[in-house]
Amino acid sequence: MRKGIFLLVACLCFLTGCEKGEIGFTDISWTRETEADTETIFFGSDGSFHYFCGCGNPVNDADLCEGYTYDEKSGSITLDCIEITEEMVTEIGVVSFDGDILELDFGGEIRTFERERILGD
């Protein structure tokens, strides 16, 4: 009986998106305004990662990063980069996330991003 209940719960979690890798802030473009430009960061549920400014240039050499992993226990994002530069932060802490606001810790600098709104949202 217990095996049946466990199997049912496991199947329900799989069907509703509880599997490893499903994070509430994935597959959303997050933006923040800086003095110079607008930055957009994106974490795909497939492990893809993008971080660029409105002018199209990568932020903190993010074009050298091919993806990321997320450790739910520590709340940290580790970027998978082909090369690491002096400007780069490869460990990003998730400070908070409420569905509309995502606060990230880039080596002691807290950056606040908002869910990108699409016309009609």
PDB file of N, CA and C in Angstrom:
ATOM      1  N   MET A   1       0.830  -1.201   0.000  1.00  0.00           N
ATOM      2  CA  MET A   1       0.000   0.000   0.000  1.00  0.00           C
ATOM      3  C   MET A   1       0.867   1.254   0.000  1.00  0.00           C
ATOM      4  N   ARG A   2       1.919   1.273   0.865  1.00  0.00           N
ATOM      5  CA  ARG A   2       2.792   2.446   0.938  1.00  0.00           C
ATOM      6  C   ARG A   2       3.513   2.670  -0.387  1.00  0.00           C
ATOM      7  N   LYS A   3       3.940   1.574  -1.033  1.00  0.00           N
ATOM      8  CA  LYS A   3       4.613   1.708  -2.323  1.00  0.00           C
ATOM      9  C   LYS A   3       3.675   2.337  -3.345  1.00  0.00           C
ATOM     10  N   GLY A   4       2.430   1.971  -3.301  1.00  0.00           N
ATOM     11  CA  GLY A   4       1.444   2.516  -4.240  1.00  0.00           C
ATOM     12  C   GLY A   4       1.230   4.007  -4.027  1.00  0.00           C
ATOM     13  N   ILE A   5       1.160   4.429  -2.766  1.00  0.00           N
ATOM     14  CA  ILE A   5       0.991   5.853  -2.458  1.00  0.00           C
ATOM     15  C   ILE A   5       2.226   6.636  -2.894  1.00  0.00           C
ATOM     16  N   PHE A   6       3.405   6.099  -2.601  1.00  0.00           N
ATOM     17  CA  PHE A   6       4.644   6.763  -3.000  1.00  0.00           C
ATOM     18  C   PHE A   6       4.701   6.898  -4.518  1.00  0.00           C
ATOM     19  N   LEU A   7       4.350   5.843  -5.235  1.00  0.00           N
ATOM     20  CA  LEU A   7       4.361   5.872  -6.693  1.00  0.00           C
ATOM     21  C   LEU A   7       3.373   6.904  -7.223  1.00  0.00           C
ATOM     22  N   LEU A   8       2.199   6.990  -6.620  1.00  0.00           N
ATOM     23  CA  LEU A   8       1.200   7.966  -7.031  1.00  0.00           C
ATOM     24  C   LEU A   8       1.707   9.395  -6.827  1.00  0.00           C
ATOM     25  N   VAL A   9       2.312   9.656  -5.668  1.00  0.00           N
ATOM     26  CA  VAL A   9       2.848  10.992  -5.380  1.00  0.00           C
ATOM     27  C   VAL A   9       3.971  11.325  -6.354  1.00  0.00           C
ATOM     28  N   ALA A  10       4.842  10.379  -6.622  1.00  0.00           N
ATOM     29  CA  ALA A  10       5.952  10.601  -7.554  1.00  0.00           C
ATOM     30  C   ALA A  10       5.418  10.922  -8.957  1.00  0.00           C
ATOM     31  N   CYS A  11       4.413  10.199  -9.390  1.00  0.00           N
ATOM     32  CA  CYS A  11       3.821  10.453 -10.710  1.00  0.00           C
ATOM     33  C   CYS A  11       3.168  11.825 -10.767  1.00  0.00           C
ATOM     34  N   LEU A  12       2.453  12.198  -9.715  1.00  0.00           N
ATOM     35  CA  LEU A  12       1.816  13.516  -9.683  1.00  0.00           C
ATOM     36  C   LEU A  12       2.843  14.630  -9.732  1.00  0.00           C
ATOM     37  N   CYS A  13       3.932  14.470  -8.985  1.00  0.00           N
ATOM     38  CA  CYS A  13       5.000  15.482  -9.018  1.00  0.00           C
ATOM     39  C   CYS A  13       5.580  15.591 -10.414  1.00  0.00           C
ATOM     40  N   PHE A  14       5.798  14.469 -11.063  1.00  0.00           N
ATOM     41  CA  PHE A  14       6.350  14.498 -12.415  1.00  0.00           C
ATOM     42  C   PHE A  14       5.401  15.210 -13.371  1.00  0.00           C
ATOM     43  N   LEU A  15       4.126  14.900 -13.289  1.00  0.00           N
ATOM     44  CA  LEU A  15       3.148  15.486 -14.198  1.00  0.00           C
ATOM     45  C   LEU A  15       2.901  16.968 -13.948  1.00  0.00           C
ATOM     46  N   THR A  16       3.102  17.431 -12.715  1.00  0.00           N
ATOM     47  CA  THR A  16       2.840  18.832 -12.401  1.00  0.00           C
ATOM     48  C   THR A  16       4.097  19.690 -12.397  1.00  0.00           C
ATOM     49  N   GLY A  17       5.218  19.143 -12.794  1.00  0.00           N
ATOM     50  CA  GLY A  17       6.423  19.954 -12.915  1.00  0.00           C
ATOM     51  C   GLY A  17       7.264  20.032 -11.670  1.00  0.00           C
ATOM     52  N   CYS A  18       7.246  19.038 -10.827  1.00  0.00           N
ATOM     53  CA  CYS A  18       8.058  19.047  -9.614  1.00  0.00           C
ATOM     54  C   CYS A  18       9.435  18.447  -9.847  1.00  0.00           C
ATOM     55  N   GLU A  19       9.708  18.013 -11.070  1.00  0.00           N
ATOM     56  CA  GLU A  19      10.976  17.350 -11.286  1.00  0.00           C
ATOM     57  C   GLU A  19      12.140  18.316 -11.099  1.00  0.00           C
ATOM     58  N   LYS A  20      13.290  17.727 -10.850  1.00  0.00           N
ATOM     59  CA  LYS A  20      14.501  18.505 -10.621  1.00  0.00           C
ATOM     60  C   LYS A  20      14.724  19.463 -11.780  1.00  0.00           C
ATOM     61  N   GLY A  21      15.085  20.688 -11.477  1.00  0.00           N
ATOM     62  CA  GLY A  21      15.365  21.672 -12.511  1.00  0.00           C
ATOM     63  C   GLY A  21      14.240  22.668 -12.703  1.00  0.00           C
ATOM     64  N   GLU A  22      13.047  22.370 -12.221  1.00  0.00           N
ATOM     65  CA  GLU A  22      11.942  23.309 -12.338  1.00  0.00           C
ATOM     66  C   GLU A  22      12.079  24.365 -11.255  1.00  0.00           C
ATOM     67  N   ILE A  23      12.337  25.589 -11.660  1.00  0.00           N
ATOM     68  CA  ILE A  23      12.537  26.693 -10.735  1.00  0.00           C
ATOM     69  C   ILE A  23      11.568  27.789 -11.139  1.00  0.00           C
ATOM     70  N   GLY A  24      10.977  28.455 -10.174  1.00  0.00           N
ATOM     71  CA  GLY A  24       9.963  29.463 -10.469  1.00  0.00           C
ATOM     72  C   GLY A  24      10.426  30.640 -11.302  1.00  0.00           C
ATOM     73  N   PHE A  25      11.714  30.949 -11.302  1.00  0.00           N
ATOM     74  CA  PHE A  25      12.174  32.121 -12.041  1.00  0.00           C
ATOM     75  C   PHE A  25      12.717  31.767 -13.426  1.00  0.00           C
ATOM     76  N   THR A  26      12.591  30.518 -13.861  1.00  0.00           N
ATOM     77  CA  THR A  26      13.102  30.136 -15.179  1.00  0.00           C
ATOM     78  C   THR A  26      12.109  30.475 -16.286  1.00  0.00           C
ATOM     79  N   ASP A  27      12.647  30.546 -17.490  1.00  0.00           N
ATOM     80  CA  ASP A  27      11.874  30.807 -18.708  1.00  0.00           C
ATOM     81  C   ASP A  27      11.153  32.147 -18.670  1.00  0.00           C
ATOM     82  N   ILE A  28      11.722  33.094 -17.943  1.00  0.00           N
ATOM     83  CA  ILE A  28      11.189  34.451 -17.824  1.00  0.00           C
ATOM     84  C   ILE A  28      12.337  35.417 -18.092  1.00  0.00           C
ATOM     85  N   SER A  29      12.101  36.437 -18.877  1.00  0.00           N
ATOM     86  CA  SER A  29      13.092  37.494 -19.048  1.00  0.00           C
ATOM     87  C   SER A  29      12.934  38.480 -17.907  1.00  0.00           C
ATOM     88  N   TRP A  30      14.037  38.724 -17.192  1.00  0.00           N
ATOM     89  CA  TRP A  30      14.059  39.637 -16.051  1.00  0.00           C
ATOM     90  C   TRP A  30      14.879  40.865 -16.433  1.00  0.00           C
ATOM     91  N   THR A  31      14.364  42.062 -16.131  1.00  0.00           N
ATOM     92  CA  THR A  31      15.079  43.280 -16.500  1.00  0.00           C
ATOM     93  C   THR A  31      15.334  44.154 -15.283  1.00  0.00           C
ATOM     94  N   ARG A  32      16.377  44.981 -15.416  1.00  0.00           N
ATOM     95  CA  ARG A  32      16.655  45.990 -14.395  1.00  0.00           C
ATOM     96  C   ARG A  32      17.223  47.210 -15.093  1.00  0.00           C
ATOM     97  N   GLU A  33      16.863  48.356 -14.554  1.00  0.00           N
ATOM     98  CA  GLU A  33      17.355  49.628 -15.078  1.00  0.00           C
ATOM     99  C   GLU A  33      18.634  49.997 -14.341  1.00  0.00           C
ATOM    100  N   THR A  34      19.653  50.399 -15.086  1.00  0.00           N
ATOM    101  CA  THR A  34      20.883  50.911 -14.496  1.00  0.00           C
ATOM    102  C   THR A  34      21.018  52.375 -14.930  1.00  0.00           C
ATOM    103  N   GLU A  35      22.035  53.035 -14.446  1.00  0.00           N
ATOM    104  CA  GLU A  35      22.250  54.427 -14.845  1.00  0.00           C
ATOM    105  C   GLU A  35      22.477  54.552 -16.343  1.00  0.00           C
ATOM    106  N   ALA A  36      23.106  53.547 -16.929  1.00  0.00           N
ATOM    107  CA  ALA A  36      23.489  53.626 -18.339  1.00  0.00           C
ATOM    108  C   ALA A  36      22.552  52.903 -19.297  1.00  0.00           C
ATOM    109  N   ASP A  37      21.860  51.864 -18.836  1.00  0.00           N
ATOM    110  CA  ASP A  37      21.128  51.018 -19.774  1.00  0.00           C
ATOM    111  C   ASP A  37      20.126  50.140 -19.040  1.00  0.00           C
ATOM    112  N   THR A  38      19.464  49.288 -19.785  1.00  0.00           N
ATOM    113  CA  THR A  38      18.584  48.265 -19.231  1.00  0.00           C
ATOM    114  C   THR A  38      19.264  46.925 -19.421  1.00  0.00           C
ATOM    115  N   GLU A  39      19.312  46.128 -18.362  1.00  0.00           N
ATOM    116  CA  GLU A  39      19.901  44.796 -18.435  1.00  0.00           C
ATOM    117  C   GLU A  39      18.796  43.751 -18.407  1.00  0.00           C
ATOM    118  N   THR A  40      19.003  42.676 -19.156  1.00  0.00           N
ATOM    119  CA  THR A  40      18.061  41.558 -19.193  1.00  0.00           C
ATOM    120  C   THR A  40      18.818  40.280 -18.863  1.00  0.00           C
ATOM    121  N   ILE A  41      18.260  39.504 -17.933  1.00  0.00           N
ATOM    122  CA  ILE A  41      18.857  38.218 -17.566  1.00  0.00           C
ATOM    123  C   ILE A  41      17.798  37.139 -17.773  1.00  0.00           C
ATOM    124  N   PHE A  42      18.251  35.958 -18.184  1.00  0.00           N
ATOM    125  CA  PHE A  42      17.339  34.861 -18.493  1.00  0.00           C
ATOM    126  C   PHE A  42      17.975  33.544 -18.074  1.00  0.00           C
ATOM    127  N   PHE A  43      17.222  32.743 -17.336  1.00  0.00           N
ATOM    128  CA  PHE A  43      17.620  31.393 -16.948  1.00  0.00           C
ATOM    129  C   PHE A  43      16.594  30.436 -17.541  1.00  0.00           C
ATOM    130  N   GLY A  44      16.987  29.638 -18.527  1.00  0.00           N
ATOM    131  CA  GLY A  44      16.063  28.699 -19.150  1.00  0.00           C
ATOM    132  C   GLY A  44      15.921  27.426 -18.342  1.00  0.00           C
ATOM    133  N   SER A  45      14.750  26.828 -18.377  1.00  0.00           N
ATOM    134  CA  SER A  45      14.545  25.561 -17.665  1.00  0.00           C
ATOM    135  C   SER A  45      15.398  24.451 -18.280  1.00  0.00           C
ATOM    136  N   ASP A  46      15.916  24.690 -19.486  1.00  0.00           N
ATOM    137  CA  ASP A  46      16.801  23.727 -20.139  1.00  0.00           C
ATOM    138  C   ASP A  46      18.269  23.954 -19.773  1.00  0.00           C
ATOM    139  N   GLY A  47      18.540  24.904 -18.847  1.00  0.00           N
ATOM    140  CA  GLY A  47      19.906  25.181 -18.421  1.00  0.00           C
ATOM    141  C   GLY A  47      20.578  26.301 -19.193  1.00  0.00           C
ATOM    142  N   SER A  48      19.867  26.915 -20.134  1.00  0.00           N
ATOM    143  CA  SER A  48      20.451  28.017 -20.905  1.00  0.00           C
ATOM    144  C   SER A  48      20.495  29.288 -20.050  1.00  0.00           C
ATOM    145  N   PHE A  49      21.418  30.172 -20.400  1.00  0.00           N
ATOM    146  CA  PHE A  49      21.623  31.402 -19.640  1.00  0.00           C
ATOM    147  C   PHE A  49      22.002  32.528 -20.585  1.00  0.00           C
ATOM    148  N   HIS A  50      21.398  33.711 -20.369  1.00  0.00           N
ATOM    149  CA  HIS A  50      21.728  34.908 -21.145  1.00  0.00           C
ATOM    150  C   HIS A  50      21.678  36.110 -20.208  1.00  0.00           C
ATOM    151  N   TYR A  51      22.613  37.036 -20.388  1.00  0.00           N
ATOM    152  CA  TYR A  51      22.631  38.270 -19.593  1.00  0.00           C
ATOM    153  C   TYR A  51      23.242  39.350 -20.473  1.00  0.00           C
ATOM    154  N   PHE A  52      22.421  40.304 -20.886  1.00  0.00           N
ATOM    155  CA  PHE A  52      22.889  41.327 -21.802  1.00  0.00           C
ATOM    156  C   PHE A  52      22.223  42.656 -21.505  1.00  0.00           C
ATOM    157  N   CYS A  53      22.816  43.714 -22.035  1.00  0.00           N
ATOM    158  CA  CYS A  53      22.239  45.049 -21.864  1.00  0.00           C
ATOM    159  C   CYS A  53      21.402  45.401 -23.082  1.00  0.00           C
ATOM    160  N   GLY A  54      20.684  46.509 -22.997  1.00  0.00           N
ATOM    161  CA  GLY A  54      19.804  46.941 -24.070  1.00  0.00           C
ATOM    162  C   GLY A  54      20.537  47.187 -25.384  1.00  0.00           C
ATOM    163  N   CYS A  55      21.807  47.519 -25.295  1.00  0.00           N
ATOM    164  CA  CYS A  55      22.604  47.758 -26.502  1.00  0.00           C
ATOM    165  C   CYS A  55      23.023  46.449 -27.167  1.00  0.00           C
ATOM    166  N   GLY A  56      22.744  45.319 -26.517  1.00  0.00           N
ATOM    167  CA  GLY A  56      23.051  44.012 -27.091  1.00  0.00           C
ATOM    168  C   GLY A  56      24.338  43.381 -26.608  1.00  0.00           C
ATOM    169  N   ASN A  57      25.139  44.124 -25.835  1.00  0.00           N
ATOM    170  CA  ASN A  57      26.398  43.583 -25.326  1.00  0.00           C
ATOM    171  C   ASN A  57      26.169  42.723 -24.091  1.00  0.00           C
ATOM    172  N   PRO A  58      27.006  41.685 -23.910  1.00  0.00           N
ATOM    173  CA  PRO A  58      26.883  40.851 -22.709  1.00  0.00           C
ATOM    174  C   PRO A  58      27.288  41.626 -21.465  1.00  0.00           C
ATOM    175  N   VAL A  59      26.629  41.346 -20.356  1.00  0.00           N
ATOM    176  CA  VAL A  59      26.984  41.949 -19.066  1.00  0.00           C
ATOM    177  C   VAL A  59      27.957  40.999 -18.374  1.00  0.00           C
ATOM    178  N   ASN A  60      29.030  41.540 -17.811  1.00  0.00           N
ATOM    179  CA  ASN A  60      30.036  40.744 -17.085  1.00  0.00           C
ATOM    180  C   ASN A  60      30.548  39.558 -17.892  1.00  0.00           C
ATOM    181  N   ASP A  61      30.762  39.749 -19.183  1.00  0.00           N
ATOM    182  CA  ASP A  61      31.272  38.684 -20.067  1.00  0.00           C
ATOM    183  C   ASP A  61      30.377  37.445 -20.074  1.00  0.00           C
ATOM    184  N   ALA A  62      29.080  37.646 -19.935  1.00  0.00           N
ATOM    185  CA  ALA A  62      28.133  36.530 -19.872  1.00  0.00           C
ATOM    186  C   ALA A  62      28.090  35.712 -21.160  1.00  0.00           C
ATOM    187  N   ASP A  63      28.591  36.273 -22.258  1.00  0.00           N
ATOM    188  CA  ASP A  63      28.611  35.516 -23.505  1.00  0.00           C
ATOM    189  C   ASP A  63      29.589  34.335 -23.440  1.00  0.00           C
ATOM    190  N   LEU A  64      30.434  34.309 -22.428  1.00  0.00           N
ATOM    191  CA  LEU A  64      31.370  33.195 -22.235  1.00  0.00           C
ATOM    192  C   LEU A  64      30.739  32.054 -21.439  1.00  0.00           C
ATOM    193  N   CYS A  65      29.505  32.242 -21.007  1.00  0.00           N
ATOM    194  CA  CYS A  65      28.814  31.223 -20.205  1.00  0.00           C
ATOM    195  C   CYS A  65      27.804  30.486 -21.076  1.00  0.00           C
ATOM    196  N   GLU A  66      27.878  29.174 -21.016  1.00  0.00           N
ATOM    197  CA  GLU A  66      27.020  28.332 -21.846  1.00  0.00           C
ATOM    198  C   GLU A  66      25.768  27.868 -21.131  1.00  0.00           C
ATOM    199  N   GLY A  67      25.719  28.033 -19.824  1.00  0.00           N
ATOM    200  CA  GLY A  67      24.558  27.567 -19.079  1.00  0.00           C
ATOM    201  C   GLY A  67      24.768  27.764 -17.592  1.00  0.00           C
ATOM    202  N   TYR A  68      23.921  27.119 -16.815  1.00  0.00           N
ATOM    203  CA  TYR A  68      23.979  27.258 -15.359  1.00  0.00           C
ATOM    204  C   TYR A  68      23.399  26.022 -14.692  1.00  0.00           C
ATOM    205  N   THR A  69      23.699  25.894 -13.404  1.00  0.00           N
ATOM    206  CA  THR A  69      23.033  24.921 -12.553  1.00  0.00           C
ATOM    207  C   THR A  69      22.545  25.666 -11.326  1.00  0.00           C
ATOM    208  N   TYR A  70      21.488  25.173 -10.726  1.00  0.00           N
ATOM    209  CA  TYR A  70      20.908  25.806  -9.548  1.00  0.00           C
ATOM    210  C   TYR A  70      20.883  24.813  -8.405  1.00  0.00           C
ATOM    211  N   ASP A  71      21.438  25.222  -7.260  1.00  0.00           N
ATOM    212  CA  ASP A  71      21.419  24.414  -6.050  1.00  0.00           C
ATOM    213  C   ASP A  71      20.321  24.965  -5.143  1.00  0.00           C
ATOM    214  N   GLU A  72      19.224  24.260  -5.080  1.00  0.00           N
ATOM    215  CA  GLU A  72      18.062  24.726  -4.322  1.00  0.00           C
ATOM    216  C   GLU A  72      18.361  24.864  -2.831  1.00  0.00           C
ATOM    217  N   LYS A  73      19.168  23.966  -2.282  1.00  0.00           N
ATOM    218  CA  LYS A  73      19.486  24.013  -0.851  1.00  0.00           C
ATOM    219  C   LYS A  73      20.241  25.279  -0.474  1.00  0.00           C
ATOM    220  N   SER A  74      21.235  25.640  -1.266  1.00  0.00           N
ATOM    221  CA  SER A  74      22.035  26.826  -0.945  1.00  0.00           C
ATOM    222  C   SER A  74      21.474  28.093  -1.592  1.00  0.00           C
ATOM    223  N   GLY A  75      20.554  27.923  -2.533  1.00  0.00           N
ATOM    224  CA  GLY A  75      20.000  29.077  -3.242  1.00  0.00           C
ATOM    225  C   GLY A  75      21.033  29.751  -4.132  1.00  0.00           C
ATOM    226  N   SER A  76      21.935  28.948  -4.684  1.00  0.00           N
ATOM    227  CA  SER A  76      22.978  29.539  -5.523  1.00  0.00           C
ATOM    228  C   SER A  76      22.930  29.010  -6.948  1.00  0.00           C
ATOM    229  N   ILE A  77      23.240  29.914  -7.851  1.00  0.00           N
ATOM    230  CA  ILE A  77      23.318  29.618  -9.276  1.00  0.00           C
ATOM    231  C   ILE A  77      24.797  29.594  -9.636  1.00  0.00           C
ATOM    232  N   THR A  78      25.236  28.532 -10.289  1.00  0.00           N
ATOM    233  CA  THR A  78      26.620  28.433 -10.743  1.00  0.00           C
ATOM    234  C   THR A  78      26.625  28.482 -12.262  1.00  0.00           C
ATOM    235  N   LEU A  79      27.329  29.460 -12.802  1.00  0.00           N
ATOM    236  CA  LEU A  79      27.407  29.594 -14.244  1.00  0.00           C
ATOM    237  C   LEU A  79      28.459  28.642 -14.803  1.00  0.00           C
ATOM    238  N   ASP A  80      28.140  28.036 -15.932  1.00  0.00           N
ATOM    239  CA  ASP A  80      29.046  27.133 -16.630  1.00  0.00           C
ATOM    240  C   ASP A  80      29.670  27.927 -17.772  1.00  0.00           C
ATOM    241  N   CYS A  81      30.938  28.337 -17.586  1.00  0.00           N
ATOM    242  CA  CYS A  81      31.587  29.231 -18.541  1.00  0.00           C
ATOM    243  C   CYS A  81      32.758  28.545 -19.228  1.00  0.00           C
ATOM    244  N   ILE A  82      32.969  28.870 -20.495  1.00  0.00           N
ATOM    245  CA  ILE A  82      34.091  28.297 -21.235  1.00  0.00           C
ATOM    246  C   ILE A  82      35.392  28.996 -20.871  1.00  0.00           C
ATOM    247  N   GLU A  83      35.279  30.204 -20.341  1.00  0.00           N
ATOM    248  CA  GLU A  83      36.438  30.969 -19.888  1.00  0.00           C
ATOM    249  C   GLU A  83      35.978  31.888 -18.765  1.00  0.00           C
ATOM    250  N   ILE A  84      36.825  32.092 -17.773  1.00  0.00           N
ATOM    251  CA  ILE A  84      36.481  32.976 -16.661  1.00  0.00           C
ATOM    252  C   ILE A  84      37.391  34.194 -16.712  1.00  0.00           C
ATOM    253  N   THR A  85      36.775  35.374 -16.704  1.00  0.00           N
ATOM    254  CA  THR A  85      37.534  36.617 -16.742  1.00  0.00           C
ATOM    255  C   THR A  85      37.478  37.296 -15.377  1.00  0.00           C
ATOM    256  N   GLU A  86      38.278  38.317 -15.217  1.00  0.00           N
ATOM    257  CA  GLU A  86      38.340  39.050 -13.958  1.00  0.00           C
ATOM    258  C   GLU A  86      37.002  39.718 -13.619  1.00  0.00           C
ATOM    259  N   GLU A  87      36.279  40.149 -14.621  1.00  0.00           N
ATOM    260  CA  GLU A  87      35.012  40.866 -14.451  1.00  0.00           C
ATOM    261  C   GLU A  87      33.845  39.941 -14.090  1.00  0.00           C
ATOM    262  N   MET A  88      34.028  38.660 -14.282  1.00  0.00           N
ATOM    263  CA  MET A  88      32.942  37.698 -14.191  1.00  0.00           C
ATOM    264  C   MET A  88      32.626  37.246 -12.763  1.00  0.00           C
ATOM    265  N   VAL A  89      31.339  37.096 -12.477  1.00  0.00           N
ATOM    266  CA  VAL A  89      30.863  36.475 -11.242  1.00  0.00           C
ATOM    267  C   VAL A  89      30.207  35.170 -11.670  1.00  0.00           C
ATOM    268  N   THR A  90      30.738  34.039 -11.193  1.00  0.00           N
ATOM    269  CA  THR A  90      30.207  32.744 -11.627  1.00  0.00           C
ATOM    270  C   THR A  90      29.309  32.087 -10.586  1.00  0.00           C
ATOM    271  N   GLU A  91      29.288  32.623  -9.371  1.00  0.00           N
ATOM    272  CA  GLU A  91      28.388  32.133  -8.319  1.00  0.00           C
ATOM    273  C   GLU A  91      27.429  33.272  -7.974  1.00  0.00           C
ATOM    274  N   ILE A  92      26.158  33.071  -8.259  1.00  0.00           N
ATOM    275  CA  ILE A  92      25.135  34.090  -8.027  1.00  0.00           C
ATOM    276  C   ILE A  92      24.175  33.560  -6.975  1.00  0.00           C
ATOM    277  N   GLY A  93      23.952  34.322  -5.938  1.00  0.00           N
ATOM    278  CA  GLY A  93      23.013  33.920  -4.896  1.00  0.00           C
ATOM    279  C   GLY A  93      21.622  34.455  -5.177  1.00  0.00           C
ATOM    280  N   VAL A  94      20.625  33.618  -4.965  1.00  0.00           N
ATOM    281  CA  VAL A  94      19.238  34.069  -5.081  1.00  0.00           C
ATOM    282  C   VAL A  94      18.841  34.602  -3.707  1.00  0.00           C
ATOM    283  N   VAL A  95      18.695  35.928  -3.617  1.00  0.00           N
ATOM    284  CA  VAL A  95      18.350  36.580  -2.359  1.00  0.00           C
ATOM    285  C   VAL A  95      16.862  36.429  -2.098  1.00  0.00           C
ATOM    286  N   SER A  96      16.056  36.738  -3.114  1.00  0.00           N
ATOM    287  CA  SER A  96      14.606  36.578  -2.986  1.00  0.00           C
ATOM    288  C   SER A  96      13.964  36.481  -4.360  1.00  0.00           C
ATOM    289  N   PHE A  97      12.773  35.897  -4.366  1.00  0.00           N
ATOM    290  CA  PHE A  97      11.989  35.738  -5.593  1.00  0.00           C
ATOM    291  C   PHE A  97      10.528  35.664  -5.190  1.00  0.00           C
ATOM    292  N   ASP A  98       9.693  36.539  -5.779  1.00  0.00           N
ATOM    293  CA  ASP A  98       8.271  36.503  -5.428  1.00  0.00           C
ATOM    294  C   ASP A  98       7.353  36.390  -6.642  1.00  0.00           C
ATOM    295  N   GLY A  99       7.891  36.063  -7.785  1.00  0.00           N
ATOM    296  CA  GLY A  99       7.080  35.945  -8.986  1.00  0.00           C
ATOM    297  C   GLY A  99       7.209  37.156  -9.891  1.00  0.00           C
ATOM    298  N   ASP A 100       7.337  38.342  -9.312  1.00  0.00           N
ATOM    299  CA  ASP A 100       7.495  39.565 -10.098  1.00  0.00           C
ATOM    300  C   ASP A 100       8.850  40.232  -9.894  1.00  0.00           C
ATOM    301  N   ILE A 101       9.509  39.952  -8.774  1.00  0.00           N
ATOM    302  CA  ILE A 101      10.802  40.541  -8.447  1.00  0.00           C
ATOM    303  C   ILE A 101      11.793  39.411  -8.165  1.00  0.00           C
ATOM    304  N   LEU A 102      12.981  39.514  -8.757  1.00  0.00           N
ATOM    305  CA  LEU A 102      14.050  38.552  -8.537  1.00  0.00           C
ATOM    306  C   LEU A 102      15.283  39.327  -8.078  1.00  0.00           C
ATOM    307  N   GLU A 103      15.728  39.069  -6.842  1.00  0.00           N
ATOM    308  CA  GLU A 103      16.919  39.718  -6.306  1.00  0.00           C
ATOM    309  C   GLU A 103      18.065  38.721  -6.296  1.00  0.00           C
ATOM    310  N   LEU A 104      19.175  39.125  -6.935  1.00  0.00           N
ATOM    311  CA  LEU A 104      20.332  38.258  -7.058  1.00  0.00           C
ATOM    312  C   LEU A 104      21.555  38.922  -6.441  1.00  0.00           C
ATOM    313  N   ASP A 105      22.395  38.120  -5.825  1.00  0.00           N
ATOM    314  CA  ASP A 105      23.634  38.596  -5.207  1.00  0.00           C
ATOM    315  C   ASP A 105      24.808  38.236  -6.115  1.00  0.00           C
ATOM    316  N   PHE A 106      25.380  39.251  -6.742  1.00  0.00           N
ATOM    317  CA  PHE A 106      26.544  39.085  -7.602  1.00  0.00           C
ATOM    318  C   PHE A 106      27.786  39.468  -6.800  1.00  0.00           C
ATOM    319  N   GLY A 107      28.331  38.550  -6.035  1.00  0.00           N
ATOM    320  CA  GLY A 107      29.546  38.801  -5.270  1.00  0.00           C
ATOM    321  C   GLY A 107      29.428  39.968  -4.305  1.00  0.00           C
ATOM    322  N   GLY A 108      28.290  40.094  -3.634  1.00  0.00           N
ATOM    323  CA  GLY A 108      28.079  41.168  -2.666  1.00  0.00           C
ATOM    324  C   GLY A 108      27.279  42.337  -3.209  1.00  0.00           C
ATOM    325  N   GLU A 109      27.090  42.399  -4.512  1.00  0.00           N
ATOM    326  CA  GLU A 109      26.267  43.451  -5.123  1.00  0.00           C
ATOM    327  C   GLU A 109      24.876  42.872  -5.401  1.00  0.00           C
ATOM    328  N   ILE A 110      23.871  43.413  -4.729  1.00  0.00           N
ATOM    329  CA  ILE A 110      22.497  42.950  -4.923  1.00  0.00           C
ATOM    330  C   ILE A 110      21.909  43.658  -6.145  1.00  0.00           C
ATOM    331  N   ARG A 111      21.441  42.873  -7.088  1.00  0.00           N
ATOM    332  CA  ARG A 111      20.811  43.402  -8.298  1.00  0.00           C
ATOM    333  C   ARG A 111      19.356  42.958  -8.306  1.00  0.00           C
ATOM    334  N   THR A 112      18.460  43.933  -8.456  1.00  0.00           N
ATOM    335  CA  THR A 112      17.025  43.660  -8.425  1.00  0.00           C
ATOM    336  C   THR A 112      16.462  43.710  -9.834  1.00  0.00           C
ATOM    337  N   PHE A 113      15.853  42.623 -10.239  1.00  0.00           N
ATOM    338  CA  PHE A 113      15.260  42.490 -11.569  1.00  0.00           C
ATOM    339  C   PHE A 113      13.748  42.371 -11.440  1.00  0.00           C
ATOM    340  N   GLU A 114      13.046  42.888 -12.437  1.00  0.00           N
ATOM    341  CA  GLU A 114      11.586  42.759 -12.509  1.00  0.00           C
ATOM    342  C   GLU A 114      11.220  41.890 -13.689  1.00  0.00           C
ATOM    343  N   ARG A 115      10.132  41.168 -13.531  1.00  0.00           N
ATOM    344  CA  ARG A 115       9.614  40.355 -14.635  1.00  0.00           C
ATOM    345  C   ARG A 115       9.347  41.274 -15.812  1.00  0.00           C
ATOM    346  N   GLU A 116       9.854  40.913 -16.972  1.00  0.00           N
ATOM    347  CA  GLU A 116       9.632  41.729 -18.164  1.00  0.00           C
ATOM    348  C   GLU A 116       8.167  41.638 -18.561  1.00  0.00           C
ATOM    349  N   ARG A 117       7.572  42.773 -18.724  1.00  0.00           N
ATOM    350  CA  ARG A 117       6.147  42.818 -19.089  1.00  0.00           C
ATOM    351  C   ARG A 117       6.007  42.936 -20.598  1.00  0.00           C
ATOM    352  N   ILE A 118       5.088  42.174 -21.122  1.00  0.00           N
ATOM    353  CA  ILE A 118       4.770  42.214 -22.545  1.00  0.00           C
ATOM    354  C   ILE A 118       3.462  42.965 -22.687  1.00  0.00           C
ATOM    355  N   LEU A 119       3.332  43.782 -23.714  1.00  0.00           N
ATOM    356  CA  LEU A 119       2.089  44.523 -23.916  1.00  0.00           C
ATOM    357  C   LEU A 119       0.898  43.564 -23.823  1.00  0.00           C
ATOM    358  N   GLY A 120      -0.083  43.968 -23.070  1.00  0.00           N
ATOM    359  CA  GLY A 120      -1.263  43.146 -22.876  1.00  0.00           C
ATOM    360  C   GLY A 120      -1.214  42.325 -21.607  1.00  0.00           C
ATOM    361  N   ASP A 121      -0.045  42.274 -20.949  1.00  0.00           N
ATOM    362  CA  ASP A 121       0.092  41.541 -19.677  1.00  0.00           C
ATOM    363  C   ASP A 121      -0.567  42.280 -18.549  1.00  0.00           C
TER     364      ASP A 121
END
